[in-house]
Amino acid sequence: MIKILLFIGSGSFLGGISRFLTSRFIQNTFIASFPYGTFVVNILGCFLIGLFYGISERGNAMSSELRMFLTVGFCGGFTTFSTFANENVALLRDGNIFYFALYTSLSVFIGILATYLGNLITKII
């Protein structure tokens, strides 16, 4: 059990750092009221988790430790629902109803689509 927790913890550490750097880079590139950084990170994370679970379902392609490192650890640390929720509250508080609706609907729809596509790619190759 300790071994699995260390895999998850190290994946989460790397995912959190990757989220911070990626989100910051994107948000600084596209300066706007819309939270592009978190949006891109969450969609990319959805795609990756679909890809990782798809690969793990292909028999011996991935050990359970690596699956936990990548999915629960890295993707869990990389994506962030709490930031997504906080940014939505800020959009509502600032009266940006359009961006709130756009951000929420696109995040859910494209996130599910990205997860599906990531998983689908593993079936094709």
C-alpha atoms as a PDB file:
ATOM      1  CA  MET A   1       0.000   0.000   0.000  1.00  0.00           C
ATOM      2  CA  ILE A   2       2.835   2.436   0.816  1.00  0.00           C
ATOM      3  CA  LYS A   3       4.373   1.790  -2.601  1.00  0.00           C
ATOM      4  CA  ILE A   4       1.118   2.719  -4.387  1.00  0.00           C
ATOM      5  CA  LEU A   5       0.747   5.862  -2.250  1.00  0.00           C
ATOM      6  CA  LEU A   6       4.270   6.927  -3.193  1.00  0.00           C
ATOM      7  CA  PHE A   7       3.482   6.418  -6.888  1.00  0.00           C
ATOM      8  CA  ILE A   8       0.289   8.465  -6.556  1.00  0.00           C
ATOM      9  CA  GLY A   9       1.992  11.169  -4.499  1.00  0.00           C
ATOM     10  CA  SER A  10       4.901  11.587  -6.900  1.00  0.00           C
ATOM     11  CA  GLY A  11       2.520  11.673  -9.876  1.00  0.00           C
ATOM     12  CA  SER A  12       0.403  14.274  -8.120  1.00  0.00           C
ATOM     13  CA  PHE A  13       3.492  16.353  -7.352  1.00  0.00           C
ATOM     14  CA  LEU A  14       4.545  16.352 -11.013  1.00  0.00           C
ATOM     15  CA  GLY A  15       0.966  16.930 -12.195  1.00  0.00           C
ATOM     16  CA  GLY A  16       0.494  19.920  -9.905  1.00  0.00           C
ATOM     17  CA  ILE A  17       3.727  21.534 -11.062  1.00  0.00           C
ATOM     18  CA  SER A  18       2.825  20.831 -14.694  1.00  0.00           C
ATOM     19  CA  ARG A  19      -0.615  22.355 -14.160  1.00  0.00           C
ATOM     20  CA  PHE A  20       0.822  25.516 -12.646  1.00  0.00           C
ATOM     21  CA  LEU A  21       3.389  26.021 -15.406  1.00  0.00           C
ATOM     22  CA  THR A  22       1.042  25.137 -18.272  1.00  0.00           C
ATOM     23  CA  SER A  23      -1.852  27.203 -16.952  1.00  0.00           C
ATOM     24  CA  ARG A  24       0.344  30.198 -16.251  1.00  0.00           C
ATOM     25  CA  PHE A  25       1.939  30.043 -19.710  1.00  0.00           C
ATOM     26  CA  ILE A  26      -1.430  29.817 -21.470  1.00  0.00           C
ATOM     27  CA  GLN A  27      -3.093  32.494 -19.348  1.00  0.00           C
ATOM     28  CA  ASN A  28      -0.171  34.873 -19.940  1.00  0.00           C
ATOM     29  CA  THR A  29      -0.346  34.174 -23.677  1.00  0.00           C
ATOM     30  CA  PHE A  30      -4.105  34.797 -23.960  1.00  0.00           C
ATOM     31  CA  ILE A  31      -4.806  37.690 -21.624  1.00  0.00           C
ATOM     32  CA  ALA A  32      -8.592  37.862 -21.251  1.00  0.00           C
ATOM     33  CA  SER A  33     -11.434  37.503 -18.764  1.00  0.00           C
ATOM     34  CA  PHE A  34     -11.907  33.914 -19.934  1.00  0.00           C
ATOM     35  CA  PRO A  35      -9.821  31.440 -17.867  1.00  0.00           C
ATOM     36  CA  TYR A  36      -8.005  29.837 -20.821  1.00  0.00           C
ATOM     37  CA  GLY A  37      -5.238  28.361 -18.657  1.00  0.00           C
ATOM     38  CA  THR A  38      -7.462  26.179 -16.496  1.00  0.00           C
ATOM     39  CA  PHE A  39      -9.698  25.351 -19.464  1.00  0.00           C
ATOM     40  CA  VAL A  40      -6.809  24.008 -21.559  1.00  0.00           C
ATOM     41  CA  VAL A  41      -5.265  22.152 -18.623  1.00  0.00           C
ATOM     42  CA  ASN A  42      -8.560  20.442 -17.755  1.00  0.00           C
ATOM     43  CA  ILE A  43      -9.284  19.454 -21.382  1.00  0.00           C
ATOM     44  CA  LEU A  44      -5.744  18.151 -21.839  1.00  0.00           C
ATOM     45  CA  GLY A  45      -6.047  16.248 -18.556  1.00  0.00           C
ATOM     46  CA  CYS A  46      -9.328  14.687 -19.738  1.00  0.00           C
ATOM     47  CA  PHE A  47      -7.670  13.598 -22.966  1.00  0.00           C
ATOM     48  CA  LEU A  48      -4.687  12.147 -21.088  1.00  0.00           C
ATOM     49  CA  ILE A  49      -6.781  10.198 -18.591  1.00  0.00           C
ATOM     50  CA  GLY A  50      -8.793   8.706 -21.452  1.00  0.00           C
ATOM     51  CA  LEU A  51      -5.563   7.771 -23.190  1.00  0.00           C
ATOM     52  CA  PHE A  52      -3.976   6.314 -20.042  1.00  0.00           C
ATOM     53  CA  TYR A  53      -7.024   4.231 -19.103  1.00  0.00           C
ATOM     54  CA  GLY A  54      -7.359   3.061 -22.700  1.00  0.00           C
ATOM     55  CA  ILE A  55      -3.725   1.918 -22.716  1.00  0.00           C
ATOM     56  CA  SER A  56      -4.119   0.228 -19.332  1.00  0.00           C
ATOM     57  CA  GLU A  57      -7.078  -1.785 -20.660  1.00  0.00           C
ATOM     58  CA  ARG A  58      -4.865  -3.325 -23.353  1.00  0.00           C
ATOM     59  CA  GLY A  59      -3.592  -6.204 -21.240  1.00  0.00           C
ATOM     60  CA  ASN A  60       0.020  -5.879 -20.083  1.00  0.00           C
ATOM     61  CA  ALA A  61       0.664  -2.468 -21.659  1.00  0.00           C
ATOM     62  CA  MET A  62       0.847  -0.746 -18.261  1.00  0.00           C
ATOM     63  CA  SER A  63       1.499  -1.914 -14.712  1.00  0.00           C
ATOM     64  CA  SER A  64      -1.026  -1.053 -12.006  1.00  0.00           C
ATOM     65  CA  GLU A  65       1.602   1.163 -10.334  1.00  0.00           C
ATOM     66  CA  LEU A  66       2.173   3.138 -13.539  1.00  0.00           C
ATOM     67  CA  ARG A  67      -1.598   3.424 -14.100  1.00  0.00           C
ATOM     68  CA  MET A  68      -2.045   4.839 -10.586  1.00  0.00           C
ATOM     69  CA  PHE A  69       0.920   7.195 -11.078  1.00  0.00           C
ATOM     70  CA  LEU A  70      -0.480   8.538 -14.368  1.00  0.00           C
ATOM     71  CA  THR A  71      -4.241   8.593 -13.695  1.00  0.00           C
ATOM     72  CA  VAL A  72      -4.825   9.167  -9.978  1.00  0.00           C
ATOM     73  CA  GLY A  73      -1.490  10.917  -9.409  1.00  0.00           C
ATOM     74  CA  PHE A  74      -0.490  12.931 -12.474  1.00  0.00           C
ATOM     75  CA  CYS A  75      -3.945  13.595 -13.964  1.00  0.00           C
ATOM     76  CA  GLY A  76      -5.434  14.168 -10.510  1.00  0.00           C
ATOM     77  CA  GLY A  77      -2.729  16.727  -9.733  1.00  0.00           C
ATOM     78  CA  PHE A  78      -2.825  18.221 -13.226  1.00  0.00           C
ATOM     79  CA  THR A  79      -6.545  18.886 -13.525  1.00  0.00           C
ATOM     80  CA  THR A  80      -8.455  20.926 -11.000  1.00  0.00           C
ATOM     81  CA  PHE A  81     -12.161  21.072 -10.383  1.00  0.00           C
ATOM     82  CA  SER A  82     -11.779  23.440  -7.451  1.00  0.00           C
ATOM     83  CA  THR A  83     -10.047  26.071  -9.600  1.00  0.00           C
ATOM     84  CA  PHE A  84     -12.699  25.572 -12.276  1.00  0.00           C
ATOM     85  CA  ALA A  85     -15.440  26.183  -9.693  1.00  0.00           C
ATOM     86  CA  ASN A  86     -13.678  29.217  -8.199  1.00  0.00           C
ATOM     87  CA  GLU A  87     -13.155  30.785 -11.632  1.00  0.00           C
ATOM     88  CA  ASN A  88     -16.846  30.297 -12.383  1.00  0.00           C
ATOM     89  CA  VAL A  89     -17.792  32.030  -9.135  1.00  0.00           C
ATOM     90  CA  ALA A  90     -15.462  34.910 -10.065  1.00  0.00           C
ATOM     91  CA  LEU A  91     -17.051  35.168 -13.524  1.00  0.00           C
ATOM     92  CA  LEU A  92     -20.519  35.313 -11.949  1.00  0.00           C
ATOM     93  CA  ARG A  93     -19.404  37.823  -9.323  1.00  0.00           C
ATOM     94  CA  ASP A  94     -17.976  40.056 -12.083  1.00  0.00           C
ATOM     95  CA  GLY A  95     -21.193  39.787 -14.103  1.00  0.00           C
ATOM     96  CA  ASN A  96     -19.600  37.814 -16.947  1.00  0.00           C
ATOM     97  CA  ILE A  97     -22.637  35.585 -17.487  1.00  0.00           C
ATOM     98  CA  PHE A  98     -21.696  34.822 -21.097  1.00  0.00           C
ATOM     99  CA  TYR A  99     -18.168  33.669 -20.163  1.00  0.00           C
ATOM    100  CA  PHE A 100     -19.579  31.703 -17.232  1.00  0.00           C
ATOM    101  CA  ALA A 101     -22.009  29.816 -19.485  1.00  0.00           C
ATOM    102  CA  LEU A 102     -19.401  29.341 -22.212  1.00  0.00           C
ATOM    103  CA  TYR A 103     -16.695  28.139 -19.817  1.00  0.00           C
ATOM    104  CA  THR A 104     -18.974  25.733 -17.974  1.00  0.00           C
ATOM    105  CA  SER A 105     -20.626  24.219 -21.035  1.00  0.00           C
ATOM    106  CA  LEU A 106     -17.438  23.937 -23.094  1.00  0.00           C
ATOM    107  CA  SER A 107     -15.489  22.470 -20.172  1.00  0.00           C
ATOM    108  CA  VAL A 108     -18.047  19.735 -19.578  1.00  0.00           C
ATOM    109  CA  PHE A 109     -18.769  18.942 -23.236  1.00  0.00           C
ATOM    110  CA  ILE A 110     -15.228  19.143 -24.586  1.00  0.00           C
ATOM    111  CA  GLY A 111     -13.840  17.449 -21.459  1.00  0.00           C
ATOM    112  CA  ILE A 112     -16.049  14.406 -21.983  1.00  0.00           C
ATOM    113  CA  LEU A 113     -15.290  14.433 -25.721  1.00  0.00           C
ATOM    114  CA  ALA A 114     -11.524  14.653 -25.043  1.00  0.00           C
ATOM    115  CA  THR A 115     -11.705  11.730 -22.592  1.00  0.00           C
ATOM    116  CA  TYR A 116     -13.596   9.693 -25.177  1.00  0.00           C
ATOM    117  CA  LEU A 117     -11.125  10.602 -27.954  1.00  0.00           C
ATOM    118  CA  GLY A 118      -8.135   9.720 -25.775  1.00  0.00           C
ATOM    119  CA  ASN A 119      -9.685   6.336 -25.085  1.00  0.00           C
ATOM    120  CA  LEU A 120     -10.702   5.872 -28.720  1.00  0.00           C
ATOM    121  CA  ILE A 121      -7.147   6.458 -29.939  1.00  0.00           C
ATOM    122  CA  THR A 122      -5.961   3.498 -27.911  1.00  0.00           C
ATOM    123  CA  LYS A 123      -8.539   1.294 -29.627  1.00  0.00           C
ATOM    124  CA  ILE A 124      -7.462   2.431 -33.090  1.00  0.00           C
ATOM    125  CA  ILE A 125      -3.724   1.864 -32.673  1.00  0.00           C
END
